[in-house]
Amino acid sequence: MNLQSKLRFALLAVAIALVPAAIPANAQQLYKGTFTIPFETKWGNTVMEPGQYTITVEQALGQKLVRVHGPAELAMFGTPSGIDPVGGNGQLTFVSINGLYTLKAFNAGATGQSFIFPVPKPKGDHAQLAPVVVGAD
């Protein structure tokens, strides 16, 4: 790969990384909840410290964006896994992979929308896929 191709690839990677930050501030908020994470977790490539967080689901530009605010800030696109008309409180589902809890799914409660997130394949003796559920208000 020559230098010009590397520069194009780098610019494309930066542009993709900035897309969630470019979502308009007036995006329609579909869900808002608060939750406390009692352990360190991994959301995509971001490690989130224990603490109190606010989570929102926003509709903008035809996409659903999940934003998390608290000791760490995060915005990511979740893959909708379906719509279930049954309401209730929101839930975050984590799985322990190699000793670190990783976000696997988010159910946005009363909206009936659920989102799934990619998780790495577990390796070795520390691979535990038993889910841990954290409720959101």
N, C-alpha and C. Protein backbone atom coordinates (compact mmCIF):
# COMPACT_ATOMS: atom_id res chain seq x y z
N MET A 1 0.85 -1.17 0.00
CA MET A 1 0.00 0.00 0.00
C MET A 1 0.90 1.23 0.00
N ASN A 2 0.67 2.15 -0.95
CA ASN A 2 1.52 3.32 -1.02
C ASN A 2 1.04 4.40 -0.04
N LEU A 3 1.80 5.48 0.05
CA LEU A 3 1.52 6.54 1.02
C LEU A 3 0.16 7.19 0.77
N GLN A 4 -0.18 7.43 -0.49
CA GLN A 4 -1.45 8.07 -0.81
C GLN A 4 -2.63 7.18 -0.37
N SER A 5 -2.52 5.88 -0.58
CA SER A 5 -3.58 4.96 -0.15
C SER A 5 -3.70 4.93 1.37
N LYS A 6 -2.56 4.97 2.06
CA LYS A 6 -2.58 4.98 3.53
C LYS A 6 -3.25 6.24 4.05
N LEU A 7 -2.97 7.38 3.42
CA LEU A 7 -3.60 8.63 3.85
C LEU A 7 -5.11 8.61 3.62
N ARG A 8 -5.54 8.09 2.50
CA ARG A 8 -6.98 7.98 2.23
C ARG A 8 -7.66 7.09 3.26
N PHE A 9 -7.03 5.96 3.57
CA PHE A 9 -7.57 5.04 4.56
C PHE A 9 -7.66 5.71 5.93
N ALA A 10 -6.61 6.45 6.31
CA ALA A 10 -6.60 7.13 7.61
C ALA A 10 -7.70 8.19 7.68
N LEU A 11 -7.88 8.96 6.60
CA LEU A 11 -8.93 9.97 6.59
C LEU A 11 -10.32 9.34 6.66
N LEU A 12 -10.51 8.22 5.97
CA LEU A 12 -11.77 7.52 6.03
C LEU A 12 -12.04 7.02 7.45
N ALA A 13 -11.03 6.47 8.11
CA ALA A 13 -11.19 5.98 9.48
C ALA A 13 -11.56 7.12 10.43
N VAL A 14 -10.93 8.28 10.27
CA VAL A 14 -11.25 9.43 11.12
C VAL A 14 -12.68 9.90 10.86
N ALA A 15 -13.09 9.94 9.60
CA ALA A 15 -14.45 10.37 9.26
C ALA A 15 -15.48 9.44 9.87
N ILE A 16 -15.25 8.14 9.82
CA ILE A 16 -16.18 7.17 10.40
C ILE A 16 -16.25 7.34 11.91
N ALA A 17 -15.11 7.59 12.55
CA ALA A 17 -15.08 7.77 14.00
C ALA A 17 -15.83 9.02 14.43
N LEU A 18 -15.88 10.04 13.58
CA LEU A 18 -16.53 11.30 13.95
C LEU A 18 -18.03 11.31 13.68
N VAL A 19 -18.56 10.34 12.97
CA VAL A 19 -19.99 10.34 12.63
C VAL A 19 -20.88 10.45 13.86
N PRO A 20 -20.70 9.64 14.93
CA PRO A 20 -21.60 9.79 16.08
C PRO A 20 -21.54 11.18 16.71
N ALA A 21 -20.39 11.83 16.69
CA ALA A 21 -20.27 13.16 17.27
C ALA A 21 -20.96 14.20 16.40
N ALA A 22 -21.16 13.91 15.12
CA ALA A 22 -21.77 14.87 14.21
C ALA A 22 -23.29 14.80 14.19
N ILE A 23 -23.88 13.87 14.94
CA ILE A 23 -25.34 13.77 14.98
C ILE A 23 -25.89 15.07 15.57
N PRO A 24 -26.89 15.65 14.97
CA PRO A 24 -27.41 16.93 15.44
C PRO A 24 -27.85 16.87 16.90
N ALA A 25 -27.64 18.00 17.58
CA ALA A 25 -28.03 18.09 18.99
C ALA A 25 -29.54 18.03 19.14
N ASN A 26 -30.30 18.31 18.07
CA ASN A 26 -31.75 18.30 18.15
C ASN A 26 -32.34 16.95 17.73
N ALA A 27 -31.54 15.89 17.82
CA ALA A 27 -32.03 14.56 17.48
C ALA A 27 -33.20 14.22 18.41
N GLN A 28 -34.15 13.45 17.91
CA GLN A 28 -35.32 13.07 18.70
C GLN A 28 -34.93 12.02 19.73
N GLN A 29 -35.15 12.33 20.99
CA GLN A 29 -34.83 11.40 22.07
C GLN A 29 -35.98 10.43 22.26
N LEU A 30 -35.69 9.13 22.14
CA LEU A 30 -36.71 8.09 22.25
C LEU A 30 -36.76 7.46 23.63
N TYR A 31 -35.64 7.50 24.34
CA TYR A 31 -35.56 6.84 25.64
C TYR A 31 -34.49 7.52 26.49
N LYS A 32 -34.73 7.59 27.79
CA LYS A 32 -33.72 8.09 28.72
C LYS A 32 -33.85 7.31 30.02
N GLY A 33 -32.73 6.83 30.54
CA GLY A 33 -32.73 6.08 31.78
C GLY A 33 -31.42 6.29 32.52
N THR A 34 -31.41 5.95 33.79
CA THR A 34 -30.20 6.02 34.60
C THR A 34 -29.90 4.64 35.15
N PHE A 35 -28.63 4.37 35.37
CA PHE A 35 -28.22 3.09 35.93
C PHE A 35 -26.88 3.25 36.62
N THR A 36 -26.58 2.29 37.49
CA THR A 36 -25.30 2.25 38.19
C THR A 36 -24.59 0.97 37.82
N ILE A 37 -23.37 1.10 37.36
CA ILE A 37 -22.55 -0.08 37.04
C ILE A 37 -21.60 -0.30 38.21
N PRO A 38 -21.69 -1.47 38.88
CA PRO A 38 -20.84 -1.72 40.05
C PRO A 38 -19.46 -2.28 39.70
N PHE A 39 -19.17 -2.46 38.42
CA PHE A 39 -17.90 -3.06 38.02
C PHE A 39 -17.40 -2.40 36.74
N GLU A 40 -16.12 -2.56 36.44
CA GLU A 40 -15.55 -2.04 35.20
C GLU A 40 -16.11 -2.83 34.02
N THR A 41 -16.48 -2.14 32.94
CA THR A 41 -17.08 -2.79 31.78
C THR A 41 -16.42 -2.30 30.50
N LYS A 42 -16.66 -3.06 29.45
CA LYS A 42 -16.17 -2.68 28.13
C LYS A 42 -17.36 -2.53 27.20
N TRP A 43 -17.44 -1.39 26.53
CA TRP A 43 -18.49 -1.10 25.56
C TRP A 43 -17.79 -0.86 24.23
N GLY A 44 -17.83 -1.83 23.35
CA GLY A 44 -17.06 -1.70 22.11
C GLY A 44 -15.58 -1.69 22.44
N ASN A 45 -14.90 -0.60 22.11
CA ASN A 45 -13.48 -0.46 22.43
C ASN A 45 -13.24 0.43 23.63
N THR A 46 -14.30 0.88 24.29
CA THR A 46 -14.19 1.82 25.40
C THR A 46 -14.38 1.10 26.72
N VAL A 47 -13.47 1.32 27.67
CA VAL A 47 -13.60 0.76 29.02
C VAL A 47 -14.30 1.81 29.88
N MET A 48 -15.38 1.40 30.53
CA MET A 48 -16.18 2.28 31.38
C MET A 48 -15.94 1.91 32.84
N GLU A 49 -15.64 2.92 33.65
CA GLU A 49 -15.40 2.72 35.07
C GLU A 49 -16.73 2.54 35.81
N PRO A 50 -16.71 1.93 36.99
CA PRO A 50 -17.94 1.81 37.79
C PRO A 50 -18.48 3.21 38.09
N GLY A 51 -19.80 3.32 38.19
CA GLY A 51 -20.40 4.60 38.54
C GLY A 51 -21.82 4.75 38.03
N GLN A 52 -22.38 5.94 38.23
CA GLN A 52 -23.75 6.27 37.83
C GLN A 52 -23.70 6.86 36.42
N TYR A 53 -24.60 6.37 35.55
CA TYR A 53 -24.64 6.79 34.16
C TYR A 53 -26.07 7.12 33.74
N THR A 54 -26.19 7.93 32.71
CA THR A 54 -27.45 8.19 32.04
C THR A 54 -27.30 7.65 30.63
N ILE A 55 -28.33 6.94 30.15
CA ILE A 55 -28.30 6.40 28.80
C ILE A 55 -29.50 6.93 28.03
N THR A 56 -29.27 7.32 26.79
CA THR A 56 -30.36 7.79 25.94
C THR A 56 -30.30 7.06 24.60
N VAL A 57 -31.47 6.93 23.98
CA VAL A 57 -31.56 6.43 22.61
C VAL A 57 -32.14 7.58 21.80
N GLU A 58 -31.45 7.96 20.73
CA GLU A 58 -31.87 9.08 19.91
C GLU A 58 -32.06 8.62 18.47
N GLN A 59 -33.02 9.24 17.80
CA GLN A 59 -33.26 8.97 16.38
C GLN A 59 -32.75 10.18 15.62
N ALA A 60 -31.81 9.96 14.72
CA ALA A 60 -31.26 11.05 13.90
C ALA A 60 -30.72 10.47 12.61
N LEU A 61 -31.00 11.15 11.53
CA LEU A 61 -30.48 10.75 10.22
C LEU A 61 -30.83 9.30 9.89
N GLY A 62 -32.01 8.85 10.35
CA GLY A 62 -32.46 7.50 10.04
C GLY A 62 -31.79 6.40 10.85
N GLN A 63 -30.98 6.75 11.82
CA GLN A 63 -30.26 5.78 12.65
C GLN A 63 -30.65 5.96 14.11
N LYS A 64 -30.48 4.92 14.88
CA LYS A 64 -30.67 5.02 16.33
C LYS A 64 -29.29 5.06 16.98
N LEU A 65 -29.07 6.08 17.76
CA LEU A 65 -27.79 6.30 18.42
C LEU A 65 -27.97 6.13 19.92
N VAL A 66 -27.12 5.31 20.53
CA VAL A 66 -27.14 5.11 21.98
C VAL A 66 -26.03 5.97 22.56
N ARG A 67 -26.41 6.90 23.46
CA ARG A 67 -25.43 7.77 24.12
C ARG A 67 -25.40 7.44 25.61
N VAL A 68 -24.20 7.46 26.16
CA VAL A 68 -24.01 7.20 27.59
C VAL A 68 -23.24 8.38 28.18
N HIS A 69 -23.76 8.92 29.29
CA HIS A 69 -23.13 10.05 29.97
C HIS A 69 -22.88 9.67 31.42
N GLY A 70 -21.72 10.00 31.94
CA GLY A 70 -21.37 9.71 33.33
C GLY A 70 -19.89 9.89 33.52
N PRO A 71 -19.26 9.04 34.35
CA PRO A 71 -17.80 9.14 34.52
C PRO A 71 -17.05 9.04 33.19
N ALA A 72 -17.66 8.41 32.20
CA ALA A 72 -17.11 8.35 30.84
C ALA A 72 -18.24 8.69 29.87
N GLU A 73 -17.90 9.20 28.71
CA GLU A 73 -18.89 9.56 27.69
C GLU A 73 -18.71 8.62 26.50
N LEU A 74 -19.84 8.24 25.89
CA LEU A 74 -19.78 7.30 24.79
C LEU A 74 -20.99 7.50 23.89
N ALA A 75 -20.79 7.36 22.59
CA ALA A 75 -21.88 7.36 21.62
C ALA A 75 -21.60 6.25 20.63
N MET A 76 -22.60 5.39 20.40
CA MET A 76 -22.40 4.28 19.46
C MET A 76 -23.73 3.90 18.84
N PHE A 77 -23.64 3.34 17.65
CA PHE A 77 -24.82 2.84 16.98
C PHE A 77 -25.05 1.41 17.44
N GLY A 78 -26.27 1.12 17.89
CA GLY A 78 -26.61 -0.24 18.27
C GLY A 78 -27.38 -0.90 17.14
N THR A 79 -27.22 -2.20 17.01
CA THR A 79 -27.96 -2.95 16.01
C THR A 79 -29.30 -3.35 16.61
N PRO A 80 -30.41 -2.81 16.07
CA PRO A 80 -31.72 -3.21 16.63
C PRO A 80 -31.92 -4.72 16.49
N SER A 81 -32.37 -5.33 17.58
CA SER A 81 -32.59 -6.78 17.54
C SER A 81 -34.06 -7.11 17.42
N GLY A 82 -34.91 -6.09 17.49
CA GLY A 82 -36.34 -6.34 17.34
C GLY A 82 -37.14 -5.37 18.17
N ILE A 83 -38.44 -5.41 17.97
CA ILE A 83 -39.36 -4.56 18.74
C ILE A 83 -40.33 -5.47 19.46
N ASP A 84 -40.40 -5.32 20.75
CA ASP A 84 -41.28 -6.12 21.60
C ASP A 84 -42.21 -5.16 22.32
N PRO A 85 -43.53 -5.26 22.14
CA PRO A 85 -44.44 -4.29 22.73
C PRO A 85 -44.52 -4.34 24.25
N VAL A 86 -43.92 -5.33 24.88
CA VAL A 86 -43.95 -5.43 26.34
C VAL A 86 -43.05 -4.36 26.93
N GLY A 87 -43.58 -3.55 27.86
CA GLY A 87 -42.83 -2.46 28.47
C GLY A 87 -42.02 -2.92 29.66
N GLY A 88 -41.70 -1.96 30.51
CA GLY A 88 -40.91 -2.24 31.70
C GLY A 88 -39.71 -1.34 31.75
N ASN A 89 -38.86 -1.58 32.75
CA ASN A 89 -37.64 -0.81 32.89
C ASN A 89 -36.58 -1.30 31.90
N GLY A 90 -35.65 -0.44 31.60
CA GLY A 90 -34.56 -0.82 30.71
C GLY A 90 -33.61 -1.80 31.37
N GLN A 91 -32.86 -2.53 30.55
CA GLN A 91 -31.89 -3.49 31.06
C GLN A 91 -30.64 -3.48 30.18
N LEU A 92 -29.50 -3.56 30.83
CA LEU A 92 -28.22 -3.74 30.15
C LEU A 92 -27.74 -5.14 30.46
N THR A 93 -27.33 -5.89 29.45
CA THR A 93 -26.85 -7.25 29.65
C THR A 93 -25.36 -7.29 29.32
N PHE A 94 -24.57 -7.75 30.29
CA PHE A 94 -23.13 -7.87 30.13
C PHE A 94 -22.74 -9.34 30.20
N VAL A 95 -21.66 -9.72 29.52
CA VAL A 95 -21.08 -11.05 29.66
C VAL A 95 -19.62 -10.88 30.05
N SER A 96 -19.12 -11.80 30.85
CA SER A 96 -17.72 -11.76 31.27
C SER A 96 -16.88 -12.47 30.21
N ILE A 97 -15.99 -11.71 29.60
CA ILE A 97 -15.10 -12.27 28.58
C ILE A 97 -13.67 -11.98 29.01
N ASN A 98 -12.95 -13.04 29.28
CA ASN A 98 -11.56 -12.93 29.73
C ASN A 98 -11.42 -12.00 30.93
N GLY A 99 -12.39 -12.09 31.86
CA GLY A 99 -12.32 -11.34 33.11
C GLY A 99 -12.86 -9.92 33.05
N LEU A 100 -13.36 -9.47 31.90
CA LEU A 100 -13.89 -8.11 31.78
C LEU A 100 -15.33 -8.19 31.30
N TYR A 101 -16.24 -7.52 32.03
CA TYR A 101 -17.64 -7.51 31.62
C TYR A 101 -17.80 -6.65 30.37
N THR A 102 -18.44 -7.22 29.36
CA THR A 102 -18.60 -6.58 28.06
C THR A 102 -20.09 -6.44 27.75
N LEU A 103 -20.50 -5.24 27.27
CA LEU A 103 -21.91 -5.02 26.93
C LEU A 103 -22.30 -5.90 25.76
N LYS A 104 -23.37 -6.66 25.95
CA LYS A 104 -23.88 -7.54 24.91
C LYS A 104 -25.20 -7.03 24.34
N ALA A 105 -26.07 -6.51 25.22
CA ALA A 105 -27.39 -6.08 24.76
C ALA A 105 -27.94 -4.97 25.66
N PHE A 106 -28.82 -4.19 25.09
CA PHE A 106 -29.51 -3.13 25.82
C PHE A 106 -30.98 -3.16 25.42
N ASN A 107 -31.87 -3.29 26.41
CA ASN A 107 -33.31 -3.26 26.19
C ASN A 107 -33.80 -1.91 26.69
N ALA A 108 -34.37 -1.10 25.80
CA ALA A 108 -34.78 0.26 26.15
C ALA A 108 -36.17 0.32 26.80
N GLY A 109 -36.51 -0.68 27.56
CA GLY A 109 -37.71 -0.67 28.39
C GLY A 109 -39.01 -0.38 27.66
N ALA A 110 -39.69 0.69 28.09
CA ALA A 110 -41.03 1.01 27.61
C ALA A 110 -41.10 1.23 26.11
N THR A 111 -40.00 1.54 25.45
CA THR A 111 -40.04 1.72 24.00
C THR A 111 -40.17 0.38 23.29
N GLY A 112 -39.82 -0.70 23.98
CA GLY A 112 -39.89 -2.02 23.37
C GLY A 112 -38.76 -2.29 22.40
N GLN A 113 -37.74 -1.43 22.38
CA GLN A 113 -36.63 -1.62 21.46
C GLN A 113 -35.44 -2.24 22.17
N SER A 114 -34.82 -3.19 21.50
CA SER A 114 -33.63 -3.84 22.02
C SER A 114 -32.49 -3.67 21.02
N PHE A 115 -31.28 -3.59 21.54
CA PHE A 115 -30.10 -3.42 20.70
C PHE A 115 -29.07 -4.45 21.11
N ILE A 116 -28.37 -4.99 20.13
CA ILE A 116 -27.28 -5.93 20.42
C ILE A 116 -25.97 -5.30 19.97
N PHE A 117 -24.90 -5.70 20.64
CA PHE A 117 -23.58 -5.14 20.35
C PHE A 117 -22.61 -6.30 20.15
N PRO A 118 -21.64 -6.12 19.26
CA PRO A 118 -20.68 -7.20 19.03
C PRO A 118 -19.79 -7.41 20.25
N VAL A 119 -19.52 -8.66 20.55
CA VAL A 119 -18.61 -9.00 21.65
C VAL A 119 -17.51 -9.89 21.09
N PRO A 120 -16.30 -9.75 21.62
CA PRO A 120 -15.21 -10.60 21.13
C PRO A 120 -15.42 -12.05 21.54
N LYS A 121 -14.81 -12.95 20.81
CA LYS A 121 -14.90 -14.37 21.15
C LYS A 121 -14.06 -14.63 22.40
N PRO A 122 -14.62 -15.35 23.36
CA PRO A 122 -13.86 -15.68 24.57
C PRO A 122 -12.75 -16.68 24.26
N LYS A 123 -11.66 -16.56 25.01
CA LYS A 123 -10.52 -17.46 24.82
C LYS A 123 -10.04 -17.99 26.16
N GLY A 124 -9.64 -19.23 26.18
CA GLY A 124 -9.02 -19.81 27.37
C GLY A 124 -9.98 -20.11 28.49
N ASP A 125 -9.41 -20.25 29.69
CA ASP A 125 -10.18 -20.64 30.88
C ASP A 125 -11.05 -19.52 31.43
N HIS A 126 -10.81 -18.27 31.01
CA HIS A 126 -11.56 -17.15 31.56
C HIS A 126 -12.80 -16.81 30.75
N ALA A 127 -13.18 -17.69 29.85
CA ALA A 127 -14.33 -17.45 28.98
C ALA A 127 -15.61 -17.84 29.71
N GLN A 128 -16.39 -16.83 30.11
CA GLN A 128 -17.67 -17.06 30.76
C GLN A 128 -18.72 -16.25 30.02
N LEU A 129 -19.72 -16.92 29.53
CA LEU A 129 -20.76 -16.20 28.81
C LEU A 129 -22.07 -16.11 29.60
N ALA A 130 -22.02 -16.36 30.90
CA ALA A 130 -23.21 -16.21 31.71
C ALA A 130 -23.54 -14.72 31.81
N PRO A 131 -24.75 -14.30 31.44
CA PRO A 131 -25.06 -12.87 31.43
C PRO A 131 -25.25 -12.29 32.83
N VAL A 132 -24.91 -11.02 32.96
CA VAL A 132 -25.17 -10.23 34.16
C VAL A 132 -26.04 -9.06 33.72
N VAL A 133 -27.20 -8.89 34.36
CA VAL A 133 -28.16 -7.87 33.94
C VAL A 133 -28.13 -6.72 34.94
N VAL A 134 -28.04 -5.49 34.42
CA VAL A 134 -28.11 -4.27 35.24
C VAL A 134 -29.36 -3.53 34.81
N GLY A 135 -30.22 -3.20 35.77
CA GLY A 135 -31.46 -2.50 35.45
C GLY A 135 -31.25 -1.01 35.31
N ALA A 136 -32.03 -0.39 34.43
CA ALA A 136 -32.02 1.06 34.24
C ALA A 136 -33.40 1.59 34.61
N ASP A 137 -33.44 2.74 35.26
CA ASP A 137 -34.71 3.36 35.65
C ASP A 137 -35.24 4.24 34.55
